[in-house]
Amino acid sequence: MPRLASFVPSFATKALVLCGLSILAGNAAFVGRAVAQSPKIAPVSTCDAGAGGAALNVRVENIRAKEGNLRAQIYSSDPDEFLEKGKKLVRVDVPVALDDEQNICVPLPSAGTFALVIMHDINANGKADFFSEGFGFSNNPSLGFGPPDGEEVMVNVPEGVSEVSVKLKYIFGADEEKAKKRRKLRRR
């Protein structure tokens, strides 16, 4: 389980952090390289495995708004390092160019087993804003009030380019109807 104590200034924030996703924006170190990405849904042939010999062509589904950035982060096969600050191997940020779904090419350091995390940073501030932004993981595990286990999101990637799909989940939602429901619940 990731250490979350340094991100918890209040009980309300702790509840949000326990969604397991604020760590995405908390990692400042960049290891790896970003890849220029066509905003269109790219076929595997346009995703390059690069120097490491492996890459993921990630189809990000359920994008709610054509604004902000999509961030992909790769973690090693060690479940204890999953979502830990400073432990990501690769981070790629690309602007959102399409509604509903878009591909991101993520180069990997080598073939192997990795965990993939995707964040839709709607306001492009580089931080996880739980009330409006979407999150997804490799293998699309169900999300509760905590992050998925590292073992749940591990994906084996052979040499070359592999395709994976990640469906974004907006924990608290961003639409007006859900916002009204939250306000109504707070008034009780």
C-alpha atoms as a PDB file:
ATOM      1  CA  MET A   1       0.000   0.000   0.000  1.00  0.00           C
ATOM      2  CA  PRO A   2       1.443   3.436  -0.890  1.00  0.00           C
ATOM      3  CA  ARG A   3       2.457   5.766   1.878  1.00  0.00           C
ATOM      4  CA  LEU A   4      -0.087   8.552   1.899  1.00  0.00           C
ATOM      5  CA  ALA A   5       0.613  10.390   5.153  1.00  0.00           C
ATOM      6  CA  SER A   6       2.512  13.288   3.572  1.00  0.00           C
ATOM      7  CA  PHE A   7      -0.481  14.044   1.340  1.00  0.00           C
ATOM      8  CA  VAL A   8      -3.108  14.167   4.119  1.00  0.00           C
ATOM      9  CA  PRO A   9      -3.723  17.660   5.523  1.00  0.00           C
ATOM     10  CA  SER A  10      -7.345  16.955   6.588  1.00  0.00           C
ATOM     11  CA  PHE A  11      -9.867  14.159   7.001  1.00  0.00           C
ATOM     12  CA  ALA A  12     -11.712  15.177   3.808  1.00  0.00           C
ATOM     13  CA  THR A  13      -8.489  15.155   1.856  1.00  0.00           C
ATOM     14  CA  LYS A  14      -7.599  11.781   3.364  1.00  0.00           C
ATOM     15  CA  ALA A  15     -10.820  10.327   1.979  1.00  0.00           C
ATOM     16  CA  LEU A  16      -9.889  11.628  -1.450  1.00  0.00           C
ATOM     17  CA  VAL A  17      -6.305  10.467  -1.216  1.00  0.00           C
ATOM     18  CA  LEU A  18      -7.487   7.016  -0.259  1.00  0.00           C
ATOM     19  CA  CYS A  19      -8.907   6.793  -3.743  1.00  0.00           C
ATOM     20  CA  GLY A  20      -5.249   6.094  -4.357  1.00  0.00           C
ATOM     21  CA  LEU A  21      -4.680   8.588  -7.051  1.00  0.00           C
ATOM     22  CA  SER A  22      -3.122  11.798  -5.742  1.00  0.00           C
ATOM     23  CA  ILE A  23       0.254  10.138  -5.979  1.00  0.00           C
ATOM     24  CA  LEU A  24       0.009  10.422  -9.769  1.00  0.00           C
ATOM     25  CA  ALA A  25       0.583  14.160  -9.612  1.00  0.00           C
ATOM     26  CA  GLY A  26       2.923  14.023  -6.614  1.00  0.00           C
ATOM     27  CA  ASN A  27       5.796  12.434  -8.496  1.00  0.00           C
ATOM     28  CA  ALA A  28       8.033  15.195  -9.774  1.00  0.00           C
ATOM     29  CA  ALA A  29      10.951  13.121 -11.040  1.00  0.00           C
ATOM     30  CA  PHE A  30      10.735  12.181 -14.704  1.00  0.00           C
ATOM     31  CA  VAL A  31      12.514   9.056 -15.781  1.00  0.00           C
ATOM     32  CA  GLY A  32      12.110   7.981 -19.374  1.00  0.00           C
ATOM     33  CA  ARG A  33      11.076  10.044 -22.343  1.00  0.00           C
ATOM     34  CA  ALA A  34       7.888  11.588 -23.591  1.00  0.00           C
ATOM     35  CA  VAL A  35       6.737  10.703 -27.063  1.00  0.00           C
ATOM     36  CA  ALA A  36       5.217  13.077 -29.590  1.00  0.00           C
ATOM     37  CA  GLN A  37       1.755  11.692 -30.175  1.00  0.00           C
ATOM     38  CA  SER A  38      -0.754  12.114 -32.941  1.00  0.00           C
ATOM     39  CA  PRO A  39      -4.071  13.174 -31.405  1.00  0.00           C
ATOM     40  CA  LYS A  40      -5.960  10.670 -33.558  1.00  0.00           C
ATOM     41  CA  ILE A  41      -6.533   7.108 -32.460  1.00  0.00           C
ATOM     42  CA  ALA A  42      -3.289   5.639 -33.673  1.00  0.00           C
ATOM     43  CA  PRO A  43      -2.835   2.155 -35.066  1.00  0.00           C
ATOM     44  CA  VAL A  44      -0.036   0.051 -33.562  1.00  0.00           C
ATOM     45  CA  SER A  45       2.171   0.819 -36.572  1.00  0.00           C
ATOM     46  CA  THR A  46       2.513   4.480 -35.505  1.00  0.00           C
ATOM     47  CA  CYS A  47       3.644   3.584 -31.977  1.00  0.00           C
ATOM     48  CA  ASP A  48       7.425   3.007 -31.839  1.00  0.00           C
ATOM     49  CA  ALA A  49       9.036   0.603 -29.370  1.00  0.00           C
ATOM     50  CA  GLY A  50      12.120   2.829 -29.241  1.00  0.00           C
ATOM     51  CA  ALA A  51      15.445   2.068 -27.584  1.00  0.00           C
ATOM     52  CA  GLY A  52      13.948  -0.184 -24.887  1.00  0.00           C
ATOM     53  CA  GLY A  53      12.462  -2.486 -27.498  1.00  0.00           C
ATOM     54  CA  ALA A  54       8.933  -2.363 -26.023  1.00  0.00           C
ATOM     55  CA  ALA A  55       6.025   0.071 -25.900  1.00  0.00           C
ATOM     56  CA  LEU A  56       2.357   0.184 -24.987  1.00  0.00           C
ATOM     57  CA  ASN A  57      -0.164   1.643 -27.403  1.00  0.00           C
ATOM     58  CA  VAL A  58      -2.773   2.600 -24.790  1.00  0.00           C
ATOM     59  CA  ARG A  59      -6.355   3.147 -25.897  1.00  0.00           C
ATOM     60  CA  VAL A  60      -7.836   5.501 -23.286  1.00  0.00           C
ATOM     61  CA  GLU A  61     -11.628   5.179 -23.205  1.00  0.00           C
ATOM     62  CA  ASN A  62     -14.392   7.189 -21.505  1.00  0.00           C
ATOM     63  CA  ILE A  63     -12.737  10.614 -21.815  1.00  0.00           C
ATOM     64  CA  ARG A  64     -15.405  13.045 -20.626  1.00  0.00           C
ATOM     65  CA  ALA A  65     -14.094  16.319 -22.013  1.00  0.00           C
ATOM     66  CA  LYS A  66     -11.904  17.423 -24.893  1.00  0.00           C
ATOM     67  CA  GLU A  67      -9.694  19.545 -22.663  1.00  0.00           C
ATOM     68  CA  GLY A  68      -6.580  19.202 -20.537  1.00  0.00           C
ATOM     69  CA  ASN A  69      -3.994  16.421 -20.735  1.00  0.00           C
ATOM     70  CA  LEU A  70      -3.813  12.667 -20.495  1.00  0.00           C
ATOM     71  CA  ARG A  71      -0.978  11.434 -18.283  1.00  0.00           C
ATOM     72  CA  ALA A  72       0.346   7.878 -18.490  1.00  0.00           C
ATOM     73  CA  GLN A  73       2.718   6.583 -15.819  1.00  0.00           C
ATOM     74  CA  ILE A  74       4.519   3.251 -15.742  1.00  0.00           C
ATOM     75  CA  TYR A  75       5.611   1.486 -12.541  1.00  0.00           C
ATOM     76  CA  SER A  76       7.862  -1.574 -12.156  1.00  0.00           C
ATOM     77  CA  SER A  77       6.711  -5.123 -11.461  1.00  0.00           C
ATOM     78  CA  ASP A  78       7.314  -4.653  -7.722  1.00  0.00           C
ATOM     79  CA  PRO A  79       3.824  -4.204  -6.184  1.00  0.00           C
ATOM     80  CA  ASP A  80       5.388  -2.361  -3.225  1.00  0.00           C
ATOM     81  CA  GLU A  81       6.551   0.403  -5.590  1.00  0.00           C
ATOM     82  CA  PHE A  82       3.141   0.842  -7.232  1.00  0.00           C
ATOM     83  CA  LEU A  83       2.030   4.486  -6.818  1.00  0.00           C
ATOM     84  CA  GLU A  84       4.991   5.242  -4.533  1.00  0.00           C
ATOM     85  CA  LYS A  85       6.458   8.714  -4.876  1.00  0.00           C
ATOM     86  CA  GLY A  86       9.600   8.711  -7.000  1.00  0.00           C
ATOM     87  CA  LYS A  87       9.121   5.100  -8.183  1.00  0.00           C
ATOM     88  CA  LYS A  88       7.600   5.633 -11.626  1.00  0.00           C
ATOM     89  CA  LEU A  89       9.737   4.566 -14.551  1.00  0.00           C
ATOM     90  CA  VAL A  90       8.086   6.566 -17.358  1.00  0.00           C
ATOM     91  CA  ARG A  91       5.641   9.455 -17.588  1.00  0.00           C
ATOM     92  CA  VAL A  92       4.037  10.674 -20.807  1.00  0.00           C
ATOM     93  CA  ASP A  93       1.717  13.702 -21.001  1.00  0.00           C
ATOM     94  CA  VAL A  94      -0.275  14.456 -24.157  1.00  0.00           C
ATOM     95  CA  PRO A  95      -3.055  16.976 -24.815  1.00  0.00           C
ATOM     96  CA  VAL A  96      -6.577  15.580 -25.069  1.00  0.00           C
ATOM     97  CA  ALA A  97      -7.573  15.933 -28.702  1.00  0.00           C
ATOM     98  CA  LEU A  98     -10.645  13.716 -28.986  1.00  0.00           C
ATOM     99  CA  ASP A  99     -13.846  13.135 -27.063  1.00  0.00           C
ATOM    100  CA  ASP A 100     -14.520   9.658 -25.684  1.00  0.00           C
ATOM    101  CA  GLU A 101     -11.262   7.855 -26.621  1.00  0.00           C
ATOM    102  CA  GLN A 102      -7.682   8.513 -27.676  1.00  0.00           C
ATOM    103  CA  ASN A 103      -4.448   6.544 -27.959  1.00  0.00           C
ATOM    104  CA  ILE A 104      -1.161   7.253 -26.171  1.00  0.00           C
ATOM    105  CA  CYS A 105       2.123   5.615 -27.133  1.00  0.00           C
ATOM    106  CA  VAL A 106       4.124   4.839 -23.983  1.00  0.00           C
ATOM    107  CA  PRO A 107       7.745   3.706 -24.483  1.00  0.00           C
ATOM    108  CA  LEU A 108       9.024   1.212 -21.916  1.00  0.00           C
ATOM    109  CA  PRO A 109      12.567   0.713 -20.616  1.00  0.00           C
ATOM    110  CA  SER A 110      12.431  -2.939 -21.762  1.00  0.00           C
ATOM    111  CA  ALA A 111      10.053  -5.837 -22.205  1.00  0.00           C
ATOM    112  CA  GLY A 112       8.712  -7.080 -18.861  1.00  0.00           C
ATOM    113  CA  THR A 113       5.924  -6.700 -16.333  1.00  0.00           C
ATOM    114  CA  PHE A 114       4.670  -3.218 -15.493  1.00  0.00           C
ATOM    115  CA  ALA A 115       1.743  -1.334 -13.962  1.00  0.00           C
ATOM    116  CA  LEU A 116       0.092   1.429 -16.001  1.00  0.00           C
ATOM    117  CA  VAL A 117      -1.804   4.399 -14.549  1.00  0.00           C
ATOM    118  CA  ILE A 118      -3.733   6.947 -16.634  1.00  0.00           C
ATOM    119  CA  MET A 119      -5.014  10.318 -15.372  1.00  0.00           C
ATOM    120  CA  HIS A 120      -7.199  12.791 -17.277  1.00  0.00           C
ATOM    121  CA  ASP A 121      -5.857  16.124 -15.994  1.00  0.00           C
ATOM    122  CA  ILE A 122      -8.797  18.204 -17.208  1.00  0.00           C
ATOM    123  CA  ASN A 123      -7.408  21.577 -16.102  1.00  0.00           C
ATOM    124  CA  ALA A 124      -3.822  20.664 -17.097  1.00  0.00           C
ATOM    125  CA  ASN A 125      -2.399  21.724 -13.731  1.00  0.00           C
ATOM    126  CA  GLY A 126      -0.407  18.512 -13.206  1.00  0.00           C
ATOM    127  CA  LYS A 127      -2.316  17.674 -10.017  1.00  0.00           C
ATOM    128  CA  ALA A 128      -5.010  15.124  -9.259  1.00  0.00           C
ATOM    129  CA  ASP A 129      -8.317  16.965  -8.767  1.00  0.00           C
ATOM    130  CA  PHE A 130     -10.711  14.265  -7.597  1.00  0.00           C
ATOM    131  CA  PHE A 131     -13.920  16.213  -8.128  1.00  0.00           C
ATOM    132  CA  SER A 132     -13.429  16.535 -11.865  1.00  0.00           C
ATOM    133  CA  GLU A 133     -10.696  14.250 -13.196  1.00  0.00           C
ATOM    134  CA  GLY A 134     -10.678  10.660 -14.393  1.00  0.00           C
ATOM    135  CA  PHE A 135      -8.308   7.832 -13.514  1.00  0.00           C
ATOM    136  CA  GLY A 136      -7.692   4.364 -14.900  1.00  0.00           C
ATOM    137  CA  PHE A 137      -5.317   1.447 -14.517  1.00  0.00           C
ATOM    138  CA  SER A 138      -4.088  -1.426 -16.648  1.00  0.00           C
ATOM    139  CA  ASN A 139      -6.459  -4.420 -16.461  1.00  0.00           C
ATOM    140  CA  ASN A 140      -9.306  -1.992 -15.547  1.00  0.00           C
ATOM    141  CA  PRO A 141      -9.781  -3.093 -11.903  1.00  0.00           C
ATOM    142  CA  SER A 142     -12.836  -1.955  -9.957  1.00  0.00           C
ATOM    143  CA  LEU A 143     -12.131   1.111  -7.875  1.00  0.00           C
ATOM    144  CA  GLY A 144     -13.440   1.611  -4.377  1.00  0.00           C
ATOM    145  CA  PHE A 145     -12.157   4.013  -1.739  1.00  0.00           C
ATOM    146  CA  GLY A 146      -8.593   2.905  -2.152  1.00  0.00           C
ATOM    147  CA  PRO A 147      -6.150   2.181  -4.925  1.00  0.00           C
ATOM    148  CA  PRO A 148      -6.187  -1.223  -6.582  1.00  0.00           C
ATOM    149  CA  ASP A 149      -3.558  -3.697  -5.432  1.00  0.00           C
ATOM    150  CA  GLY A 150      -0.354  -3.564  -7.424  1.00  0.00           C
ATOM    151  CA  GLU A 151      -0.800  -7.199  -8.419  1.00  0.00           C
ATOM    152  CA  GLU A 152      -4.199  -6.399  -9.969  1.00  0.00           C
ATOM    153  CA  VAL A 153      -2.780  -3.929 -12.462  1.00  0.00           C
ATOM    154  CA  MET A 154       0.385  -5.708 -13.608  1.00  0.00           C
ATOM    155  CA  VAL A 155       0.591  -6.338 -17.335  1.00  0.00           C
ATOM    156  CA  ASN A 156       3.202  -8.448 -19.129  1.00  0.00           C
ATOM    157  CA  VAL A 157       4.651  -6.621 -22.148  1.00  0.00           C
ATOM    158  CA  PRO A 158       6.740  -8.534 -24.721  1.00  0.00           C
ATOM    159  CA  GLU A 159       9.216  -6.879 -27.086  1.00  0.00           C
ATOM    160  CA  GLY A 160       7.573  -4.716 -29.720  1.00  0.00           C
ATOM    161  CA  VAL A 161       4.356  -2.758 -29.388  1.00  0.00           C
ATOM    162  CA  SER A 162       1.465  -4.138 -27.330  1.00  0.00           C
ATOM    163  CA  GLU A 163      -2.058  -2.771 -27.182  1.00  0.00           C
ATOM    164  CA  VAL A 164      -3.985  -2.222 -23.954  1.00  0.00           C
ATOM    165  CA  SER A 165      -7.254  -0.440 -23.207  1.00  0.00           C
ATOM    166  CA  VAL A 166      -7.850   1.614 -20.079  1.00  0.00           C
ATOM    167  CA  LYS A 167     -11.299   2.904 -19.206  1.00  0.00           C
ATOM    168  CA  LEU A 168     -11.221   6.131 -17.215  1.00  0.00           C
ATOM    169  CA  LYS A 169     -13.369   6.338 -14.110  1.00  0.00           C
ATOM    170  CA  TYR A 170     -14.399   9.691 -12.740  1.00  0.00           C
ATOM    171  CA  ILE A 171     -14.648   8.987  -9.027  1.00  0.00           C
ATOM    172  CA  PHE A 172     -16.800  11.947  -8.088  1.00  0.00           C
ATOM    173  CA  GLY A 173     -17.928  12.924 -11.568  1.00  0.00           C
ATOM    174  CA  ALA A 174     -17.729  16.246 -13.272  1.00  0.00           C
ATOM    175  CA  ASP A 175     -21.206  16.731 -14.644  1.00  0.00           C
ATOM    176  CA  GLU A 176     -23.693  19.223 -13.243  1.00  0.00           C
ATOM    177  CA  GLU A 177     -26.273  16.614 -12.240  1.00  0.00           C
ATOM    178  CA  LYS A 178     -23.800  14.797  -9.995  1.00  0.00           C
ATOM    179  CA  ALA A 179     -22.611  18.107  -8.538  1.00  0.00           C
ATOM    180  CA  LYS A 180     -26.205  18.959  -7.608  1.00  0.00           C
ATOM    181  CA  LYS A 181     -26.602  15.584  -5.891  1.00  0.00           C
ATOM    182  CA  ARG A 182     -23.405  16.161  -3.876  1.00  0.00           C
ATOM    183  CA  ARG A 183     -24.603  19.622  -2.795  1.00  0.00           C
ATOM    184  CA  LYS A 184     -27.991  18.208  -1.804  1.00  0.00           C
ATOM    185  CA  LEU A 185     -26.338  15.480   0.301  1.00  0.00           C
ATOM    186  CA  ARG A 186     -24.131  18.058   2.047  1.00  0.00           C
ATOM    187  CA  ARG A 187     -27.212  20.091   3.093  1.00  0.00           C
ATOM    188  CA  ARG A 188     -28.708  17.168   5.048  1.00  0.00           C
END
